[in-house]
Amino acid sequence: MEVWIDSTKDCDFDILIANQNFHTNHVLTNECYQEGNSHYNDSIGQLEILFRRGYFSLPTYKYKETHDEDGNPIWACQCRIKEVDNVTNGRSSSKKDSKKQAAYDMLTYVLEEE
């Protein structure tokens, strides 16, 4: 049986205040979001900023924890946005990193649609 943990409160809202990665006209370019770039780490906050500006509803995240043969945790995270016809996934030994991966993939997806 699979158990997913739904979390809409697991957000870093302080990033919203400090983040100034938008261009003057609030247009984001996909080149800004490359893994290894510091913007990869801000992808959760970037999605929240787009929500606050009315582009779409607040992203929701669901988590599933499994374990490898050595008992180490493996986290899977799904990111959904109500208006977006796509679900993105992250997977990592860290819950936080799995969320970053899922958020980054969603951010990339919504930027490519524009």
N, C-alpha and C. Protein backbone atom coordinates (compact mmCIF):
# COMPACT_ATOMS: atom_id res chain seq x y z
N MET A 1 0.84 -1.19 0.00
CA MET A 1 0.00 0.00 0.00
C MET A 1 0.88 1.25 0.00
N GLU A 2 0.58 2.16 -0.90
CA GLU A 2 1.34 3.40 -0.97
C GLU A 2 0.68 4.46 -0.11
N VAL A 3 1.48 5.17 0.63
CA VAL A 3 0.97 6.25 1.48
C VAL A 3 1.69 7.53 1.08
N TRP A 4 0.92 8.52 0.67
CA TRP A 4 1.48 9.82 0.29
C TRP A 4 1.09 10.82 1.36
N ILE A 5 2.03 11.67 1.70
CA ILE A 5 1.80 12.72 2.70
C ILE A 5 1.56 14.01 1.94
N ASP A 6 0.41 14.62 2.13
CA ASP A 6 0.08 15.86 1.44
C ASP A 6 0.56 17.02 2.30
N SER A 7 1.29 17.94 1.67
CA SER A 7 1.80 19.08 2.43
C SER A 7 1.69 20.34 1.61
N THR A 8 0.80 21.24 2.00
CA THR A 8 0.77 22.56 1.39
C THR A 8 1.39 23.58 2.32
N LYS A 9 1.73 23.18 3.54
CA LYS A 9 2.31 24.09 4.51
C LYS A 9 3.83 23.99 4.57
N ASP A 10 4.42 23.11 3.76
CA ASP A 10 5.86 22.88 3.79
C ASP A 10 6.55 23.85 2.83
N CYS A 11 6.31 25.14 3.01
CA CYS A 11 6.81 26.15 2.08
C CYS A 11 7.77 27.10 2.79
N ASP A 12 8.69 27.60 2.03
CA ASP A 12 9.65 28.56 2.56
C ASP A 12 9.22 29.97 2.15
N PHE A 13 8.25 30.53 2.85
CA PHE A 13 7.70 31.81 2.45
C PHE A 13 8.66 32.98 2.65
N ASP A 14 9.70 32.79 3.48
CA ASP A 14 10.67 33.86 3.64
C ASP A 14 11.46 34.09 2.37
N ILE A 15 11.52 33.10 1.50
CA ILE A 15 12.20 33.27 0.21
C ILE A 15 11.46 34.30 -0.64
N LEU A 16 10.14 34.37 -0.47
CA LEU A 16 9.35 35.30 -1.27
C LEU A 16 9.81 36.74 -1.07
N ILE A 17 10.13 37.09 0.15
CA ILE A 17 10.51 38.46 0.46
C ILE A 17 11.91 38.76 -0.07
N ALA A 18 12.81 37.83 0.11
CA ALA A 18 14.21 38.07 -0.25
C ALA A 18 14.50 37.88 -1.73
N ASN A 19 13.62 37.18 -2.45
CA ASN A 19 13.93 36.82 -3.82
C ASN A 19 13.72 37.99 -4.77
N GLN A 20 14.77 38.30 -5.53
CA GLN A 20 14.67 39.38 -6.52
C GLN A 20 15.21 38.89 -7.85
N ASN A 21 14.87 37.65 -8.22
CA ASN A 21 15.38 37.06 -9.44
C ASN A 21 14.50 37.30 -10.65
N PHE A 22 13.50 38.14 -10.53
CA PHE A 22 12.64 38.44 -11.66
C PHE A 22 13.23 39.59 -12.46
N HIS A 23 13.01 39.54 -13.75
CA HIS A 23 13.39 40.67 -14.59
C HIS A 23 12.42 41.81 -14.29
N THR A 24 12.72 42.98 -14.77
CA THR A 24 11.88 44.14 -14.49
C THR A 24 10.44 43.90 -14.92
N ASN A 25 10.22 43.25 -16.04
CA ASN A 25 8.86 43.01 -16.52
C ASN A 25 8.29 41.68 -16.03
N HIS A 26 8.93 41.05 -15.06
CA HIS A 26 8.47 39.82 -14.43
C HIS A 26 8.43 38.63 -15.38
N VAL A 27 9.22 38.66 -16.42
CA VAL A 27 9.29 37.53 -17.33
C VAL A 27 10.48 36.68 -16.95
N LEU A 28 10.25 35.40 -16.74
CA LEU A 28 11.32 34.49 -16.40
C LEU A 28 11.78 33.79 -17.66
N THR A 29 13.05 33.54 -17.74
CA THR A 29 13.56 32.79 -18.88
C THR A 29 14.10 31.45 -18.39
N ASN A 30 13.95 30.45 -19.21
CA ASN A 30 14.35 29.11 -18.82
C ASN A 30 15.85 29.02 -18.57
N GLU A 31 16.65 29.88 -19.19
CA GLU A 31 18.09 29.84 -18.99
C GLU A 31 18.46 30.14 -17.53
N CYS A 32 17.60 30.82 -16.81
CA CYS A 32 17.87 31.15 -15.41
C CYS A 32 17.82 29.92 -14.52
N TYR A 33 17.21 28.86 -14.99
CA TYR A 33 16.95 27.70 -14.15
C TYR A 33 17.67 26.47 -14.68
N GLN A 34 18.93 26.43 -14.41
CA GLN A 34 19.74 25.28 -14.79
C GLN A 34 20.25 24.64 -13.52
N GLU A 35 20.14 23.31 -13.46
CA GLU A 35 20.61 22.61 -12.28
C GLU A 35 22.08 22.93 -12.07
N GLY A 36 22.47 23.18 -10.85
CA GLY A 36 23.83 23.61 -10.55
C GLY A 36 23.88 25.12 -10.37
N ASN A 37 22.95 25.82 -10.96
CA ASN A 37 22.82 27.26 -10.79
C ASN A 37 22.11 27.48 -9.46
N SER A 38 22.37 28.59 -8.81
CA SER A 38 21.74 28.85 -7.52
C SER A 38 20.22 28.94 -7.65
N HIS A 39 19.71 29.22 -8.84
CA HIS A 39 18.26 29.31 -9.03
C HIS A 39 17.59 27.94 -8.87
N TYR A 40 18.31 26.88 -9.10
CA TYR A 40 17.76 25.54 -8.87
C TYR A 40 17.31 25.43 -7.41
N ASN A 41 18.09 25.96 -6.50
CA ASN A 41 17.75 25.92 -5.08
C ASN A 41 16.59 26.83 -4.73
N ASP A 42 16.28 27.80 -5.59
CA ASP A 42 15.18 28.74 -5.34
C ASP A 42 13.89 28.36 -6.06
N SER A 43 13.84 27.19 -6.68
CA SER A 43 12.69 26.84 -7.51
C SER A 43 11.39 26.77 -6.71
N ILE A 44 11.43 26.32 -5.47
CA ILE A 44 10.23 26.28 -4.64
C ILE A 44 9.72 27.70 -4.42
N GLY A 45 10.61 28.59 -4.07
CA GLY A 45 10.24 29.99 -3.86
C GLY A 45 9.77 30.66 -5.14
N GLN A 46 10.37 30.32 -6.26
CA GLN A 46 9.96 30.92 -7.54
C GLN A 46 8.53 30.51 -7.89
N LEU A 47 8.18 29.25 -7.65
CA LEU A 47 6.80 28.82 -7.89
C LEU A 47 5.84 29.57 -6.97
N GLU A 48 6.25 29.78 -5.72
CA GLU A 48 5.40 30.52 -4.78
C GLU A 48 5.23 31.97 -5.21
N ILE A 49 6.26 32.57 -5.75
CA ILE A 49 6.15 33.95 -6.23
C ILE A 49 5.17 34.02 -7.40
N LEU A 50 5.26 33.07 -8.32
CA LEU A 50 4.33 33.05 -9.45
C LEU A 50 2.89 32.86 -8.96
N PHE A 51 2.70 32.06 -7.91
CA PHE A 51 1.39 31.92 -7.29
C PHE A 51 0.91 33.25 -6.72
N ARG A 52 1.77 33.92 -5.95
CA ARG A 52 1.40 35.19 -5.33
C ARG A 52 1.05 36.26 -6.37
N ARG A 53 1.65 36.16 -7.53
CA ARG A 53 1.38 37.13 -8.60
C ARG A 53 0.20 36.72 -9.47
N GLY A 54 -0.45 35.62 -9.11
CA GLY A 54 -1.69 35.24 -9.78
C GLY A 54 -1.55 34.41 -11.05
N TYR A 55 -0.39 33.85 -11.31
CA TYR A 55 -0.22 33.05 -12.51
C TYR A 55 -0.93 31.70 -12.40
N PHE A 56 -0.99 31.13 -11.21
CA PHE A 56 -1.65 29.86 -10.98
C PHE A 56 -1.82 29.67 -9.47
N SER A 57 -2.50 28.58 -9.10
CA SER A 57 -2.75 28.31 -7.68
C SER A 57 -1.48 27.81 -6.99
N LEU A 58 -1.53 27.77 -5.67
CA LEU A 58 -0.40 27.35 -4.87
C LEU A 58 -0.03 25.90 -5.18
N PRO A 59 1.23 25.64 -5.51
CA PRO A 59 1.64 24.25 -5.75
C PRO A 59 1.44 23.40 -4.49
N THR A 60 1.05 22.16 -4.70
CA THR A 60 0.91 21.22 -3.60
C THR A 60 1.95 20.12 -3.79
N TYR A 61 2.39 19.59 -2.68
CA TYR A 61 3.43 18.56 -2.69
C TYR A 61 2.95 17.35 -1.91
N LYS A 62 3.17 16.18 -2.46
CA LYS A 62 2.87 14.93 -1.77
C LYS A 62 4.17 14.15 -1.68
N TYR A 63 4.37 13.51 -0.53
CA TYR A 63 5.60 12.79 -0.26
C TYR A 63 5.33 11.31 0.00
N LYS A 64 6.28 10.51 -0.39
CA LYS A 64 6.23 9.08 -0.09
C LYS A 64 7.63 8.66 0.35
N GLU A 65 7.72 8.01 1.49
CA GLU A 65 9.00 7.54 1.99
C GLU A 65 9.07 6.02 1.86
N THR A 66 10.13 5.55 1.23
CA THR A 66 10.44 4.13 1.18
C THR A 66 11.86 3.98 1.68
N HIS A 67 12.36 2.77 1.71
CA HIS A 67 13.72 2.52 2.18
C HIS A 67 14.42 1.56 1.24
N ASP A 68 15.72 1.76 1.07
CA ASP A 68 16.49 0.82 0.26
C ASP A 68 16.82 -0.42 1.09
N GLU A 69 17.56 -1.36 0.49
CA GLU A 69 17.86 -2.62 1.17
C GLU A 69 18.69 -2.45 2.45
N ASP A 70 19.38 -1.30 2.57
CA ASP A 70 20.16 -1.02 3.77
C ASP A 70 19.37 -0.24 4.82
N GLY A 71 18.12 0.05 4.52
CA GLY A 71 17.29 0.79 5.46
C GLY A 71 17.37 2.30 5.34
N ASN A 72 18.10 2.80 4.35
CA ASN A 72 18.21 4.24 4.15
C ASN A 72 16.93 4.78 3.51
N PRO A 73 16.50 5.97 3.91
CA PRO A 73 15.27 6.52 3.35
C PRO A 73 15.44 6.94 1.89
N ILE A 74 14.37 6.74 1.16
CA ILE A 74 14.27 7.25 -0.22
C ILE A 74 12.96 8.02 -0.28
N TRP A 75 13.05 9.30 -0.55
CA TRP A 75 11.88 10.15 -0.60
C TRP A 75 11.48 10.39 -2.05
N ALA A 76 10.19 10.27 -2.30
CA ALA A 76 9.61 10.64 -3.60
C ALA A 76 8.68 11.81 -3.32
N CYS A 77 8.67 12.78 -4.20
CA CYS A 77 7.82 13.95 -4.04
C CYS A 77 7.11 14.23 -5.36
N GLN A 78 5.84 14.52 -5.29
CA GLN A 78 5.07 14.94 -6.45
C GLN A 78 4.67 16.40 -6.27
N CYS A 79 4.82 17.17 -7.33
CA CYS A 79 4.40 18.56 -7.32
C CYS A 79 3.24 18.71 -8.31
N ARG A 80 2.18 19.34 -7.85
CA ARG A 80 1.00 19.58 -8.69
C ARG A 80 0.58 21.04 -8.58
N ILE A 81 0.11 21.54 -9.69
CA ILE A 81 -0.53 22.86 -9.74
C ILE A 81 -1.86 22.65 -10.44
N LYS A 82 -2.92 23.10 -9.82
CA LYS A 82 -4.28 22.85 -10.28
C LYS A 82 -4.46 23.17 -11.77
N GLU A 83 -3.93 24.29 -12.22
CA GLU A 83 -4.15 24.73 -13.60
C GLU A 83 -3.19 24.10 -14.62
N VAL A 84 -2.23 23.36 -14.15
CA VAL A 84 -1.22 22.79 -15.04
C VAL A 84 -1.50 21.30 -15.23
N ASP A 85 -1.54 20.89 -16.47
CA ASP A 85 -1.85 19.50 -16.79
C ASP A 85 -0.59 18.66 -16.78
N ASN A 86 0.10 18.65 -15.66
CA ASN A 86 1.34 17.90 -15.52
C ASN A 86 1.63 17.71 -14.04
N VAL A 87 2.21 16.57 -13.70
CA VAL A 87 2.68 16.30 -12.35
C VAL A 87 4.17 16.03 -12.48
N THR A 88 4.96 16.67 -11.65
CA THR A 88 6.41 16.44 -11.70
C THR A 88 6.83 15.69 -10.46
N ASN A 89 7.94 14.97 -10.58
CA ASN A 89 8.40 14.10 -9.51
C ASN A 89 9.85 14.38 -9.17
N GLY A 90 10.16 14.24 -7.90
CA GLY A 90 11.53 14.30 -7.42
C GLY A 90 11.80 13.07 -6.58
N ARG A 91 13.05 12.67 -6.55
CA ARG A 91 13.41 11.48 -5.77
C ARG A 91 14.81 11.69 -5.20
N SER A 92 14.94 11.46 -3.90
CA SER A 92 16.22 11.69 -3.24
C SER A 92 16.24 11.01 -1.88
N SER A 93 17.41 10.91 -1.29
CA SER A 93 17.51 10.40 0.07
C SER A 93 17.08 11.47 1.07
N SER A 94 16.91 12.70 0.59
CA SER A 94 16.48 13.82 1.42
C SER A 94 15.10 14.29 0.98
N LYS A 95 14.20 14.47 1.94
CA LYS A 95 12.85 14.97 1.63
C LYS A 95 12.94 16.35 0.98
N LYS A 96 13.79 17.21 1.51
CA LYS A 96 13.95 18.56 0.98
C LYS A 96 14.45 18.54 -0.46
N ASP A 97 15.43 17.69 -0.76
CA ASP A 97 15.97 17.62 -2.12
C ASP A 97 14.94 17.04 -3.10
N SER A 98 14.14 16.09 -2.65
CA SER A 98 13.12 15.56 -3.55
C SER A 98 12.09 16.64 -3.89
N LYS A 99 11.79 17.51 -2.93
CA LYS A 99 10.86 18.61 -3.18
C LYS A 99 11.48 19.62 -4.15
N LYS A 100 12.77 19.92 -3.98
CA LYS A 100 13.46 20.84 -4.90
C LYS A 100 13.43 20.32 -6.32
N GLN A 101 13.69 19.02 -6.48
CA GLN A 101 13.69 18.43 -7.81
C GLN A 101 12.31 18.54 -8.46
N ALA A 102 11.27 18.18 -7.71
CA ALA A 102 9.91 18.25 -8.24
C ALA A 102 9.52 19.69 -8.58
N ALA A 103 9.88 20.63 -7.71
CA ALA A 103 9.57 22.04 -7.96
C ALA A 103 10.33 22.57 -9.16
N TYR A 104 11.59 22.20 -9.28
CA TYR A 104 12.41 22.64 -10.41
C TYR A 104 11.83 22.13 -11.73
N ASP A 105 11.44 20.87 -11.76
CA ASP A 105 10.85 20.31 -12.98
C ASP A 105 9.53 21.00 -13.31
N MET A 106 8.73 21.33 -12.30
CA MET A 106 7.46 22.04 -12.54
C MET A 106 7.74 23.45 -13.05
N LEU A 107 8.69 24.12 -12.43
CA LEU A 107 9.04 25.47 -12.86
C LEU A 107 9.52 25.46 -14.32
N THR A 108 10.36 24.52 -14.64
CA THR A 108 10.84 24.38 -16.02
C THR A 108 9.67 24.15 -16.97
N TYR A 109 8.75 23.29 -16.57
CA TYR A 109 7.59 22.98 -17.40
C TYR A 109 6.73 24.22 -17.65
N VAL A 110 6.40 24.96 -16.59
CA VAL A 110 5.52 26.12 -16.78
C VAL A 110 6.22 27.22 -17.56
N LEU A 111 7.53 27.34 -17.45
CA LEU A 111 8.25 28.35 -18.22
C LEU A 111 8.32 27.99 -19.70
N GLU A 112 8.39 26.71 -20.00
CA GLU A 112 8.44 26.28 -21.39
C GLU A 112 7.10 26.44 -22.08
N GLU A 113 6.00 26.45 -21.32
CA GLU A 113 4.67 26.59 -21.90
C GLU A 113 4.39 28.01 -22.37
N GLU A 114 5.08 28.98 -21.83
CA GLU A 114 4.80 30.39 -22.16
C GLU A 114 5.31 30.76 -23.52
